[in-house]
Amino acid sequence: MSTPSTTVSTTVLKSVPMFGRFPDEQLRALATMVTRRSAPRGSAIMRAGDVTDSLYIIVSGRLKVMMGEADGKEVILSILGPGEFFGEMGLIDDSPRSASVIAIEPCELLSVTKHAFKKALVEHLDVAMAVMRVLTRRLREADRKIGSLAMLDVYGRVARLLLDMAEDVNGVKMVTKRLPKQDIAKMIGASREMVSLVMKDLQSSGYIEVRGSTIVLRETVAPPR
């Protein structure tokens, strides 16, 4: 369960890309409609099938968006971090939640009610464009994931995921956030055992270097095959 807090400063709102261009007067008005929440690791922010009543913006921490299958298996659709938002689809089409969102780290979130969200879409072009850009990006990612599942073997899917998750740190590509093999398996539709074998092969071939929870990518992770 997330814990609500009634205090949201305009400084916090200003740090959110969606609201970054708002003048101070509009930020103060928005602050009265936004709730700040904290969520411990492992807590469910929302579950598939829930009534959609708000949009969530991540201030800190990471969350996984996931769906459950009939046989009890989990599929991780994406991992979200600071500055990103979720829960907007149901607010647009008035449908129940399509996926569950679980905190994988302690998180701080902003909750925006359905009324406030729709009002912001109508009155602020920047907000509407930000939502459209994110929806378009997620659609492109879904298309690419479907293509990867159809065209790449597990080796290629692991390599593609590592490349997608990597950040540039002083000119070196690294996956800096902890990425358990079980989560990799749930994200690419493979077994944990197969992911372990692929990771060992990538490491022994010199394509990656594992430093604790950090994965360093060498010049080229193994090409899809």
Protein backbone atom coordinates (compact mmCIF):
# COMPACT_ATOMS: atom_id res chain seq x y z
CA MET A 1 0.00 0.00 0.00
CA SER A 2 1.27 3.48 -0.83
CA THR A 3 1.15 6.14 1.85
CA PRO A 4 -0.43 9.48 0.85
CA SER A 5 0.93 12.89 1.80
CA THR A 6 -0.89 16.17 1.20
CA THR A 7 2.17 18.36 0.68
CA VAL A 8 3.49 18.88 -2.83
CA SER A 9 5.82 21.80 -3.48
CA THR A 10 5.99 23.75 -6.72
CA THR A 11 9.72 22.90 -6.79
CA VAL A 12 8.89 19.20 -7.04
CA LEU A 13 6.34 19.85 -9.80
CA LYS A 14 8.84 22.00 -11.69
CA SER A 15 11.28 19.07 -11.76
CA VAL A 16 8.74 16.88 -13.60
CA PRO A 17 9.25 17.20 -17.38
CA MET A 18 5.50 17.26 -18.00
CA PHE A 19 5.11 20.41 -15.88
CA GLY A 20 8.52 21.99 -16.43
CA ARG A 21 7.22 24.89 -18.54
CA PHE A 22 4.31 25.80 -16.30
CA PRO A 23 4.46 29.33 -14.84
CA ASP A 24 4.57 29.56 -11.04
CA GLU A 25 0.91 30.57 -10.77
CA GLN A 26 -0.23 27.44 -12.62
CA LEU A 27 2.15 25.27 -10.60
CA ARG A 28 0.62 26.57 -7.37
CA ALA A 29 -2.86 25.76 -8.68
CA LEU A 30 -1.74 22.28 -9.78
CA ALA A 31 -0.14 21.62 -6.38
CA THR A 32 -3.60 21.74 -4.79
CA MET A 33 -4.77 18.91 -7.08
CA VAL A 34 -1.75 16.61 -6.73
CA THR A 35 -1.06 14.15 -3.92
CA ARG A 36 2.41 12.93 -3.01
CA ARG A 37 2.73 9.27 -2.03
CA SER A 38 5.48 7.00 -0.81
CA ALA A 39 5.49 3.29 -1.66
CA PRO A 40 7.71 0.64 -0.06
CA ARG A 41 9.53 -1.98 -2.14
CA GLY A 42 7.20 -4.75 -3.27
CA SER A 43 3.98 -2.75 -2.88
CA ALA A 44 1.34 -2.66 -5.62
CA ILE A 45 0.52 0.82 -6.85
CA MET A 46 -2.25 -0.54 -9.03
CA ARG A 47 -3.47 -3.90 -10.28
CA ALA A 48 -4.90 -5.03 -13.61
CA GLY A 49 -8.68 -4.71 -13.57
CA ASP A 50 -8.78 -1.87 -11.01
CA VAL A 51 -10.97 1.14 -11.71
CA THR A 52 -8.87 3.90 -13.27
CA ASP A 53 -9.00 7.03 -11.14
CA SER A 54 -5.59 8.71 -11.39
CA LEU A 55 -2.29 9.19 -13.19
CA TYR A 56 1.01 8.55 -11.36
CA ILE A 57 4.30 10.38 -11.91
CA ILE A 58 7.53 8.91 -10.51
CA VAL A 59 9.64 11.29 -8.42
CA SER A 60 12.14 8.67 -7.26
CA GLY A 61 12.58 4.89 -7.32
CA ARG A 62 11.76 2.25 -9.94
CA LEU A 63 8.63 0.23 -10.71
CA LYS A 64 7.81 -2.70 -12.98
CA VAL A 65 4.75 -2.84 -15.21
CA MET A 66 3.59 -6.42 -15.44
CA MET A 67 0.82 -8.79 -16.44
CA GLY A 68 0.00 -12.25 -15.14
CA GLU A 69 -0.70 -15.26 -17.33
CA ALA A 70 -3.27 -17.98 -16.71
CA ASP A 71 -0.55 -20.44 -15.64
CA GLY A 72 0.69 -18.06 -12.93
CA LYS A 73 3.70 -16.77 -14.83
CA GLU A 74 4.51 -13.07 -14.86
CA VAL A 75 5.45 -10.99 -17.89
CA ILE A 76 7.29 -7.71 -17.28
CA LEU A 77 6.26 -5.18 -19.90
CA SER A 78 8.63 -2.40 -18.82
CA ILE A 79 10.59 -0.88 -15.95
CA LEU A 80 9.90 2.78 -15.18
CA GLY A 81 12.03 5.34 -13.33
CA PRO A 82 12.08 8.99 -12.20
CA GLY A 83 10.31 11.50 -14.47
CA GLU A 84 8.17 8.83 -16.15
CA PHE A 85 4.44 8.41 -15.64
CA PHE A 86 1.89 5.62 -15.88
CA GLY A 87 -1.85 5.02 -15.63
CA GLU A 88 -2.78 7.48 -18.37
CA MET A 89 -4.42 5.06 -20.82
CA GLY A 90 -7.44 4.30 -18.65
CA LEU A 91 -7.94 8.00 -17.99
CA ILE A 92 -8.16 8.62 -21.74
CA ASP A 93 -10.49 5.75 -22.70
CA ASP A 94 -12.21 5.25 -19.30
CA SER A 95 -11.21 1.57 -19.18
CA PRO A 96 -10.00 -0.44 -16.16
CA ARG A 97 -6.26 -0.80 -15.50
CA SER A 98 -4.70 -3.03 -18.16
CA ALA A 99 -1.60 -4.01 -16.12
CA SER A 100 -0.25 -4.09 -12.58
CA VAL A 101 2.51 -1.77 -11.38
CA ILE A 102 4.77 -2.94 -8.52
CA ALA A 103 7.51 -0.97 -6.74
CA ILE A 104 10.90 -2.69 -7.09
CA GLU A 105 12.52 0.01 -4.94
CA PRO A 106 11.10 2.42 -2.35
CA CYS A 107 9.32 5.08 -4.44
CA GLU A 108 8.01 8.61 -4.20
CA LEU A 109 5.07 9.29 -6.51
CA LEU A 110 2.76 12.10 -7.48
CA SER A 111 -0.88 11.16 -7.97
CA VAL A 112 -3.02 13.29 -10.33
CA THR A 113 -6.80 12.75 -10.29
CA LYS A 114 -8.73 11.96 -13.47
CA HIS A 115 -10.45 15.36 -13.36
CA ALA A 116 -7.16 17.26 -12.95
CA PHE A 117 -5.47 15.21 -15.69
CA LYS A 118 -8.22 15.83 -18.25
CA LYS A 119 -8.29 19.52 -17.33
CA ALA A 120 -4.52 19.73 -17.87
CA LEU A 121 -4.85 18.04 -21.29
CA VAL A 122 -7.43 20.58 -22.41
CA GLU A 123 -5.72 23.67 -21.02
CA HIS A 124 -2.02 22.90 -21.56
CA LEU A 125 -0.61 21.87 -24.94
CA ASP A 126 2.73 20.88 -23.33
CA VAL A 127 0.99 18.25 -21.19
CA ALA A 128 -1.02 16.88 -24.12
CA MET A 129 2.11 16.67 -26.28
CA ALA A 130 4.10 14.97 -23.49
CA VAL A 131 1.40 12.31 -23.14
CA MET A 132 1.24 11.80 -26.91
CA ARG A 133 5.03 11.43 -27.14
CA VAL A 134 5.08 8.82 -24.38
CA LEU A 135 2.17 6.87 -25.88
CA THR A 136 3.90 6.90 -29.28
CA ARG A 137 7.21 5.76 -27.76
CA ARG A 138 5.50 2.92 -25.89
CA LEU A 139 3.72 1.81 -29.07
CA ARG A 140 7.03 1.75 -30.95
CA GLU A 141 8.64 -0.22 -28.12
CA ALA A 142 5.76 -2.70 -28.17
CA ASP A 143 6.14 -3.14 -31.94
CA ARG A 144 9.88 -3.73 -31.56
CA LYS A 145 9.34 -6.21 -28.72
CA ILE A 146 6.82 -8.16 -30.78
CA GLY A 147 9.30 -8.21 -33.66
CA SER A 148 12.09 -9.40 -31.36
CA LEU A 149 9.96 -12.23 -29.98
CA ALA A 150 9.12 -13.34 -33.52
CA MET A 151 12.52 -12.91 -35.18
CA LEU A 152 15.26 -13.22 -32.54
CA ASP A 153 16.32 -16.19 -30.45
CA VAL A 154 16.93 -15.85 -26.70
CA TYR A 155 20.56 -14.81 -27.30
CA GLY A 156 19.43 -11.93 -29.51
CA ARG A 157 16.66 -10.89 -27.13
CA VAL A 158 19.03 -10.71 -24.16
CA ALA A 159 21.50 -8.66 -26.20
CA ARG A 160 18.75 -6.29 -27.39
CA LEU A 161 17.45 -5.81 -23.83
CA LEU A 162 20.92 -5.01 -22.46
CA LEU A 163 21.46 -2.45 -25.22
CA ASP A 164 18.06 -0.87 -24.53
CA MET A 165 18.67 -0.69 -20.76
CA ALA A 166 22.24 0.65 -21.00
CA GLU A 167 23.21 4.22 -20.09
CA ASP A 168 26.25 6.15 -21.30
CA VAL A 169 28.62 6.65 -18.33
CA ASN A 170 31.75 8.59 -19.31
CA GLY A 171 31.62 7.12 -22.80
CA VAL A 172 31.01 3.55 -21.60
CA LYS A 173 27.68 1.75 -22.03
CA MET A 174 26.50 0.33 -18.70
CA VAL A 175 23.37 -1.17 -17.18
CA THR A 176 23.69 0.57 -13.82
CA LYS A 177 20.43 -0.51 -12.22
CA ARG A 178 20.13 -3.96 -10.70
CA LEU A 179 18.61 -6.30 -13.30
CA PRO A 180 18.03 -9.82 -11.91
CA LYS A 181 18.13 -12.70 -14.37
CA GLN A 182 14.60 -13.64 -13.34
CA ASP A 183 13.38 -10.18 -14.40
CA ILE A 184 15.27 -10.43 -17.70
CA ALA A 185 13.53 -13.76 -18.32
CA LYS A 186 10.12 -12.21 -17.62
CA MET A 187 10.85 -9.31 -19.96
CA ILE A 188 11.96 -11.38 -22.97
CA GLY A 189 9.77 -14.46 -22.60
CA ALA A 190 12.44 -17.02 -21.72
CA SER A 191 13.43 -19.24 -18.80
CA ARG A 192 15.79 -18.01 -16.09
CA GLU A 193 18.09 -20.95 -16.83
CA MET A 194 18.38 -19.96 -20.50
CA VAL A 195 19.07 -16.34 -19.57
CA SER A 196 21.85 -17.49 -17.22
CA LEU A 197 23.48 -19.51 -19.99
CA VAL A 198 23.33 -16.57 -22.42
CA MET A 199 24.74 -14.13 -19.82
CA LYS A 200 27.62 -16.51 -19.08
CA ASP A 201 28.34 -16.84 -22.80
CA LEU A 202 28.29 -13.05 -23.30
CA GLN A 203 30.65 -12.66 -20.36
CA SER A 204 33.09 -15.39 -21.38
CA SER A 205 33.12 -14.04 -24.96
CA GLY A 206 34.09 -10.60 -23.70
CA TYR A 207 30.92 -8.82 -24.78
CA ILE A 208 29.93 -7.86 -21.23
CA GLU A 209 31.63 -7.49 -17.85
CA VAL A 210 29.66 -7.93 -14.64
CA ARG A 211 30.74 -5.69 -11.76
CA GLY A 212 28.46 -6.45 -8.84
CA SER A 213 25.02 -5.22 -9.91
CA THR A 214 26.46 -3.26 -12.87
CA ILE A 215 26.80 -4.74 -16.35
CA VAL A 216 29.39 -3.10 -18.60
CA LEU A 217 28.83 -3.50 -22.35
CA ARG A 218 31.90 -3.77 -24.51
CA GLU A 219 32.09 -2.34 -28.04
CA THR A 220 29.27 -4.51 -29.30
CA VAL A 221 27.09 -6.93 -27.41
CA ALA A 222 26.84 -10.14 -29.41
CA PRO A 223 24.90 -9.61 -32.64
CA PRO A 224 21.40 -11.10 -32.88
CA ARG A 225 21.41 -14.51 -34.48
